[in-house]
Amino acid sequence: MIEDENKKIRKEEDLEISKADLERLEILQKSNEKIGKQLSFNSETGSLEEIDELRRLIGKEFENPEEKYNIYYKGIRKLLMEYLPKGKEYKEIRDIIYDEKNIFLNNGKRKSDNNGIRLSDGRMTFQTNMNEILEIIVKWISDSQNAFDIYRLFYELNENFGYGHEHYDKSTLNVANAMLKLSKK
């Protein structure tokens, strides 16, 4: 009989421990639940919808590779190739303009910082950076189409962000400085 009472007491103790363990397990399970998504009732359709709170908090689309491709190749690159002066005699001017564009697209990384290698790729930058450059190009095309003006616009954009500019040899630096002076303000 005493053994039966001891077993009963042990079982009660085990049940109490099990209840505490069960509470801990519930807390652990709740900590592993999805965060940032919530079900909501759509009164218009009468259905339940999952709402992604994180997207709503950010307030914008996440990076979209297809859109980035279109912005870069069908927008930025195509427009600059179409509207910048063509020919060998203008290559240095185009390269200086491309350098300023790429400094911004790469968040301030310059080729001159790493012996001619940027260590970054403007085609893979943030979509917001691409959109900003594209807006500048479109405005430039509608306003002037003067190569010196687009250089100044990119130059000032990099200045505003504190990115700096490429370090050129004396000859190229003179061309870049002349481009700034010859642009409209």
C-alpha atoms as a PDB file:
ATOM      1  CA  MET A   1       0.000   0.000   0.000  1.00  0.00           C
ATOM      2  CA  ILE A   2       2.725   2.429   0.820  1.00  0.00           C
ATOM      3  CA  GLU A   3       4.310   1.639  -2.517  1.00  0.00           C
ATOM      4  CA  ASP A   4       1.020   2.422  -4.257  1.00  0.00           C
ATOM      5  CA  GLU A   5       0.804   5.769  -2.469  1.00  0.00           C
ATOM      6  CA  ASN A   6       4.420   6.579  -3.404  1.00  0.00           C
ATOM      7  CA  LYS A   7       3.705   5.758  -7.060  1.00  0.00           C
ATOM      8  CA  LYS A   8       0.613   7.961  -6.929  1.00  0.00           C
ATOM      9  CA  ILE A   9       2.611  10.858  -5.450  1.00  0.00           C
ATOM     10  CA  ARG A  10       5.327  10.410  -8.107  1.00  0.00           C
ATOM     11  CA  LYS A  11       2.689  10.409 -10.859  1.00  0.00           C
ATOM     12  CA  GLU A  12       1.192  13.644  -9.473  1.00  0.00           C
ATOM     13  CA  GLU A  13       4.671  15.184  -9.350  1.00  0.00           C
ATOM     14  CA  ASP A  14       5.292  14.001 -12.911  1.00  0.00           C
ATOM     15  CA  LEU A  15       1.991  15.574 -13.984  1.00  0.00           C
ATOM     16  CA  GLU A  16       2.967  18.895 -12.423  1.00  0.00           C
ATOM     17  CA  ILE A  17       6.336  18.800 -14.132  1.00  0.00           C
ATOM     18  CA  SER A  18       4.672  17.797 -17.352  1.00  0.00           C
ATOM     19  CA  LYS A  19       2.310  20.767 -17.109  1.00  0.00           C
ATOM     20  CA  ALA A  20       5.268  23.124 -16.640  1.00  0.00           C
ATOM     21  CA  ASP A  21       7.129  21.459 -19.478  1.00  0.00           C
ATOM     22  CA  LEU A  22       4.026  21.731 -21.629  1.00  0.00           C
ATOM     23  CA  GLU A  23       3.819  25.476 -20.928  1.00  0.00           C
ATOM     24  CA  ARG A  24       7.484  25.876 -21.861  1.00  0.00           C
ATOM     25  CA  LEU A  25       6.909  23.901 -25.046  1.00  0.00           C
ATOM     26  CA  GLU A  26       3.961  26.132 -25.992  1.00  0.00           C
ATOM     27  CA  ILE A  27       6.111  29.231 -25.448  1.00  0.00           C
ATOM     28  CA  LEU A  28       8.879  27.756 -27.596  1.00  0.00           C
ATOM     29  CA  GLN A  29       6.398  26.874 -30.330  1.00  0.00           C
ATOM     30  CA  LYS A  30       5.001  30.412 -30.353  1.00  0.00           C
ATOM     31  CA  SER A  31       8.506  31.813 -30.681  1.00  0.00           C
ATOM     32  CA  ASN A  32       8.952  29.780 -33.877  1.00  0.00           C
ATOM     33  CA  GLU A  33       5.736  30.994 -35.509  1.00  0.00           C
ATOM     34  CA  LYS A  34       5.927  33.094 -38.654  1.00  0.00           C
ATOM     35  CA  ILE A  35       6.516  36.734 -37.928  1.00  0.00           C
ATOM     36  CA  GLY A  36       5.305  39.503 -40.188  1.00  0.00           C
ATOM     37  CA  LYS A  37       2.334  37.751 -41.767  1.00  0.00           C
ATOM     38  CA  GLN A  38      -1.213  37.949 -40.604  1.00  0.00           C
ATOM     39  CA  LEU A  39      -4.596  36.743 -41.763  1.00  0.00           C
ATOM     40  CA  SER A  40      -7.177  39.349 -42.555  1.00  0.00           C
ATOM     41  CA  PHE A  41     -10.798  39.167 -43.625  1.00  0.00           C
ATOM     42  CA  ASN A  42     -11.473  40.871 -46.953  1.00  0.00           C
ATOM     43  CA  SER A  43     -14.977  42.318 -46.661  1.00  0.00           C
ATOM     44  CA  GLU A  44     -15.252  42.857 -50.427  1.00  0.00           C
ATOM     45  CA  THR A  45     -14.545  39.260 -51.430  1.00  0.00           C
ATOM     46  CA  GLY A  46     -15.574  37.583 -48.174  1.00  0.00           C
ATOM     47  CA  SER A  47     -12.354  35.611 -47.997  1.00  0.00           C
ATOM     48  CA  LEU A  48      -9.334  35.356 -45.733  1.00  0.00           C
ATOM     49  CA  GLU A  49      -6.134  36.899 -47.089  1.00  0.00           C
ATOM     50  CA  GLU A  50      -2.594  36.706 -45.832  1.00  0.00           C
ATOM     51  CA  ILE A  51      -1.120  40.187 -45.414  1.00  0.00           C
ATOM     52  CA  ASP A  52       2.624  40.637 -45.617  1.00  0.00           C
ATOM     53  CA  GLU A  53       3.261  43.271 -42.956  1.00  0.00           C
ATOM     54  CA  LEU A  54       6.952  43.545 -43.765  1.00  0.00           C
ATOM     55  CA  ARG A  55       6.256  44.722 -47.322  1.00  0.00           C
ATOM     56  CA  ARG A  56       3.750  47.205 -45.989  1.00  0.00           C
ATOM     57  CA  LEU A  57       6.280  48.500 -43.453  1.00  0.00           C
ATOM     58  CA  ILE A  58       8.937  48.948 -46.093  1.00  0.00           C
ATOM     59  CA  GLY A  59       6.425  50.628 -48.361  1.00  0.00           C
ATOM     60  CA  LYS A  60       8.041  49.517 -51.608  1.00  0.00           C
ATOM     61  CA  GLU A  61       8.653  46.500 -53.750  1.00  0.00           C
ATOM     62  CA  PHE A  62      11.626  44.330 -53.024  1.00  0.00           C
ATOM     63  CA  GLU A  63      14.362  44.197 -55.635  1.00  0.00           C
ATOM     64  CA  ASN A  64      13.075  42.787 -58.916  1.00  0.00           C
ATOM     65  CA  PRO A  65      15.809  41.297 -61.151  1.00  0.00           C
ATOM     66  CA  GLU A  66      13.792  41.571 -64.370  1.00  0.00           C
ATOM     67  CA  GLU A  67      12.897  45.197 -63.701  1.00  0.00           C
ATOM     68  CA  LYS A  68      16.520  45.980 -62.818  1.00  0.00           C
ATOM     69  CA  TYR A  69      17.637  44.440 -66.115  1.00  0.00           C
ATOM     70  CA  ASN A  70      15.139  46.565 -68.040  1.00  0.00           C
ATOM     71  CA  ILE A  71      16.074  49.754 -66.197  1.00  0.00           C
ATOM     72  CA  TYR A  72      19.782  49.222 -66.768  1.00  0.00           C
ATOM     73  CA  TYR A  73      19.922  47.849 -70.313  1.00  0.00           C
ATOM     74  CA  LYS A  74      16.769  49.229 -71.916  1.00  0.00           C
ATOM     75  CA  GLY A  75      16.882  52.496 -69.995  1.00  0.00           C
ATOM     76  CA  ILE A  76      20.181  53.803 -68.639  1.00  0.00           C
ATOM     77  CA  ARG A  77      22.597  52.141 -71.053  1.00  0.00           C
ATOM     78  CA  LYS A  78      20.466  52.460 -74.187  1.00  0.00           C
ATOM     79  CA  LEU A  79      19.677  56.138 -73.635  1.00  0.00           C
ATOM     80  CA  LEU A  80      23.270  57.104 -72.884  1.00  0.00           C
ATOM     81  CA  MET A  81      24.519  55.224 -75.934  1.00  0.00           C
ATOM     82  CA  GLU A  82      21.881  56.905 -78.071  1.00  0.00           C
ATOM     83  CA  TYR A  83      22.272  60.493 -76.831  1.00  0.00           C
ATOM     84  CA  LEU A  84      25.956  60.859 -75.921  1.00  0.00           C
ATOM     85  CA  PRO A  85      28.288  61.934 -78.737  1.00  0.00           C
ATOM     86  CA  LYS A  86      29.475  59.036 -80.883  1.00  0.00           C
ATOM     87  CA  GLY A  87      32.880  58.361 -82.392  1.00  0.00           C
ATOM     88  CA  LYS A  88      36.471  57.845 -81.283  1.00  0.00           C
ATOM     89  CA  GLU A  89      37.055  61.559 -80.757  1.00  0.00           C
ATOM     90  CA  TYR A  90      34.391  61.587 -77.965  1.00  0.00           C
ATOM     91  CA  LYS A  91      35.415  58.340 -76.218  1.00  0.00           C
ATOM     92  CA  GLU A  92      37.240  60.120 -73.391  1.00  0.00           C
ATOM     93  CA  ILE A  93      34.203  62.316 -72.693  1.00  0.00           C
ATOM     94  CA  ARG A  94      31.871  59.291 -72.686  1.00  0.00           C
ATOM     95  CA  ASP A  95      34.212  57.380 -70.356  1.00  0.00           C
ATOM     96  CA  ILE A  96      34.341  60.271 -67.877  1.00  0.00           C
ATOM     97  CA  ILE A  97      30.529  60.478 -67.890  1.00  0.00           C
ATOM     98  CA  TYR A  98      30.217  56.698 -67.440  1.00  0.00           C
ATOM     99  CA  ASP A  99      32.661  56.863 -64.517  1.00  0.00           C
ATOM    100  CA  GLU A 100      30.497  59.419 -62.704  1.00  0.00           C
ATOM    101  CA  LYS A 101      27.364  57.360 -63.383  1.00  0.00           C
ATOM    102  CA  ASN A 102      29.050  54.192 -62.123  1.00  0.00           C
ATOM    103  CA  ILE A 103      30.334  55.828 -58.948  1.00  0.00           C
ATOM    104  CA  PHE A 104      26.758  56.621 -57.985  1.00  0.00           C
ATOM    105  CA  LEU A 105      25.374  53.232 -59.039  1.00  0.00           C
ATOM    106  CA  ASN A 106      28.072  51.543 -56.942  1.00  0.00           C
ATOM    107  CA  ASN A 107      27.487  53.663 -53.825  1.00  0.00           C
ATOM    108  CA  GLY A 108      30.740  55.576 -54.126  1.00  0.00           C
ATOM    109  CA  LYS A 109      33.102  52.812 -55.219  1.00  0.00           C
ATOM    110  CA  ARG A 110      35.672  54.133 -57.674  1.00  0.00           C
ATOM    111  CA  LYS A 111      38.070  52.354 -59.997  1.00  0.00           C
ATOM    112  CA  SER A 112      40.856  54.606 -58.759  1.00  0.00           C
ATOM    113  CA  ASP A 113      40.439  53.171 -55.242  1.00  0.00           C
ATOM    114  CA  ASN A 114      41.554  49.680 -56.348  1.00  0.00           C
ATOM    115  CA  ASN A 115      44.085  50.039 -59.160  1.00  0.00           C
ATOM    116  CA  GLY A 116      41.501  50.306 -61.930  1.00  0.00           C
ATOM    117  CA  ILE A 117      39.026  47.742 -60.569  1.00  0.00           C
ATOM    118  CA  ARG A 118      35.802  48.963 -58.987  1.00  0.00           C
ATOM    119  CA  LEU A 119      35.059  45.730 -57.061  1.00  0.00           C
ATOM    120  CA  SER A 120      31.363  46.354 -57.665  1.00  0.00           C
ATOM    121  CA  ASP A 121      28.916  46.185 -60.555  1.00  0.00           C
ATOM    122  CA  GLY A 122      26.403  48.955 -61.303  1.00  0.00           C
ATOM    123  CA  ARG A 123      24.074  46.466 -63.007  1.00  0.00           C
ATOM    124  CA  MET A 124      23.519  44.823 -59.621  1.00  0.00           C
ATOM    125  CA  THR A 125      23.005  47.942 -57.562  1.00  0.00           C
ATOM    126  CA  PHE A 126      19.874  48.891 -55.674  1.00  0.00           C
ATOM    127  CA  GLN A 127      16.855  49.555 -57.812  1.00  0.00           C
ATOM    128  CA  THR A 128      16.386  52.968 -56.206  1.00  0.00           C
ATOM    129  CA  ASN A 129      19.866  54.007 -57.412  1.00  0.00           C
ATOM    130  CA  MET A 130      19.038  52.868 -60.931  1.00  0.00           C
ATOM    131  CA  ASN A 131      15.737  54.722 -60.898  1.00  0.00           C
ATOM    132  CA  GLU A 132      17.433  57.910 -59.730  1.00  0.00           C
ATOM    133  CA  ILE A 133      20.038  57.744 -62.508  1.00  0.00           C
ATOM    134  CA  LEU A 134      17.336  56.962 -65.089  1.00  0.00           C
ATOM    135  CA  GLU A 135      15.272  59.969 -63.967  1.00  0.00           C
ATOM    136  CA  ILE A 136      18.312  62.222 -64.364  1.00  0.00           C
ATOM    137  CA  ILE A 137      18.986  60.856 -67.858  1.00  0.00           C
ATOM    138  CA  VAL A 138      15.368  61.288 -68.975  1.00  0.00           C
ATOM    139  CA  LYS A 139      15.283  64.860 -67.668  1.00  0.00           C
ATOM    140  CA  TRP A 140      18.621  65.591 -69.368  1.00  0.00           C
ATOM    141  CA  ILE A 141      17.314  64.273 -72.692  1.00  0.00           C
ATOM    142  CA  SER A 142      14.216  66.441 -72.495  1.00  0.00           C
ATOM    143  CA  ASP A 143      16.157  69.538 -71.329  1.00  0.00           C
ATOM    144  CA  SER A 144      19.464  69.789 -73.199  1.00  0.00           C
ATOM    145  CA  GLN A 145      21.144  66.585 -74.453  1.00  0.00           C
ATOM    146  CA  ASN A 146      24.464  68.377 -73.923  1.00  0.00           C
ATOM    147  CA  ALA A 147      27.090  65.831 -72.771  1.00  0.00           C
ATOM    148  CA  PHE A 148      28.642  68.370 -70.413  1.00  0.00           C
ATOM    149  CA  ASP A 149      25.286  68.854 -68.664  1.00  0.00           C
ATOM    150  CA  ILE A 150      24.786  65.139 -67.938  1.00  0.00           C
ATOM    151  CA  TYR A 151      28.340  64.998 -66.593  1.00  0.00           C
ATOM    152  CA  ARG A 152      27.602  67.919 -64.252  1.00  0.00           C
ATOM    153  CA  LEU A 153      24.336  66.303 -63.115  1.00  0.00           C
ATOM    154  CA  PHE A 154      26.110  63.022 -62.268  1.00  0.00           C
ATOM    155  CA  TYR A 155      29.003  64.949 -60.703  1.00  0.00           C
ATOM    156  CA  GLU A 156      26.640  66.929 -58.454  1.00  0.00           C
ATOM    157  CA  LEU A 157      24.732  63.762 -57.524  1.00  0.00           C
ATOM    158  CA  ASN A 158      27.962  62.174 -56.307  1.00  0.00           C
ATOM    159  CA  GLU A 159      28.857  65.377 -54.464  1.00  0.00           C
ATOM    160  CA  ASN A 160      25.471  65.350 -52.696  1.00  0.00           C
ATOM    161  CA  PHE A 161      26.076  61.806 -51.477  1.00  0.00           C
ATOM    162  CA  GLY A 162      29.709  62.461 -50.549  1.00  0.00           C
ATOM    163  CA  TYR A 163      30.956  59.798 -52.968  1.00  0.00           C
ATOM    164  CA  GLY A 164      33.775  61.745 -54.547  1.00  0.00           C
ATOM    165  CA  HIS A 165      35.012  61.275 -58.103  1.00  0.00           C
ATOM    166  CA  GLU A 166      37.531  59.267 -60.100  1.00  0.00           C
ATOM    167  CA  HIS A 167      41.164  60.265 -59.864  1.00  0.00           C
ATOM    168  CA  TYR A 168      42.464  60.829 -63.371  1.00  0.00           C
ATOM    169  CA  ASP A 169      45.801  61.600 -64.916  1.00  0.00           C
ATOM    170  CA  LYS A 170      46.426  65.297 -65.564  1.00  0.00           C
ATOM    171  CA  SER A 171      45.140  65.237 -69.154  1.00  0.00           C
ATOM    172  CA  THR A 172      41.853  63.481 -68.338  1.00  0.00           C
ATOM    173  CA  LEU A 173      41.391  65.626 -65.251  1.00  0.00           C
ATOM    174  CA  ASN A 174      41.691  68.726 -67.428  1.00  0.00           C
ATOM    175  CA  VAL A 175      38.959  67.370 -69.743  1.00  0.00           C
ATOM    176  CA  ALA A 176      36.687  66.592 -66.786  1.00  0.00           C
ATOM    177  CA  ASN A 177      37.199  70.064 -65.306  1.00  0.00           C
ATOM    178  CA  ALA A 178      36.536  71.701 -68.677  1.00  0.00           C
ATOM    179  CA  MET A 179      33.318  69.705 -69.003  1.00  0.00           C
ATOM    180  CA  LEU A 180      32.130  71.077 -65.669  1.00  0.00           C
ATOM    181  CA  LYS A 181      32.968  74.642 -66.674  1.00  0.00           C
ATOM    182  CA  LEU A 182      31.250  74.333 -70.063  1.00  0.00           C
ATOM    183  CA  SER A 183      28.012  72.891 -68.671  1.00  0.00           C
ATOM    184  CA  LYS A 184      24.970  75.083 -68.069  1.00  0.00           C
ATOM    185  CA  LYS A 185      24.019  75.978 -64.541  1.00  0.00           C
END
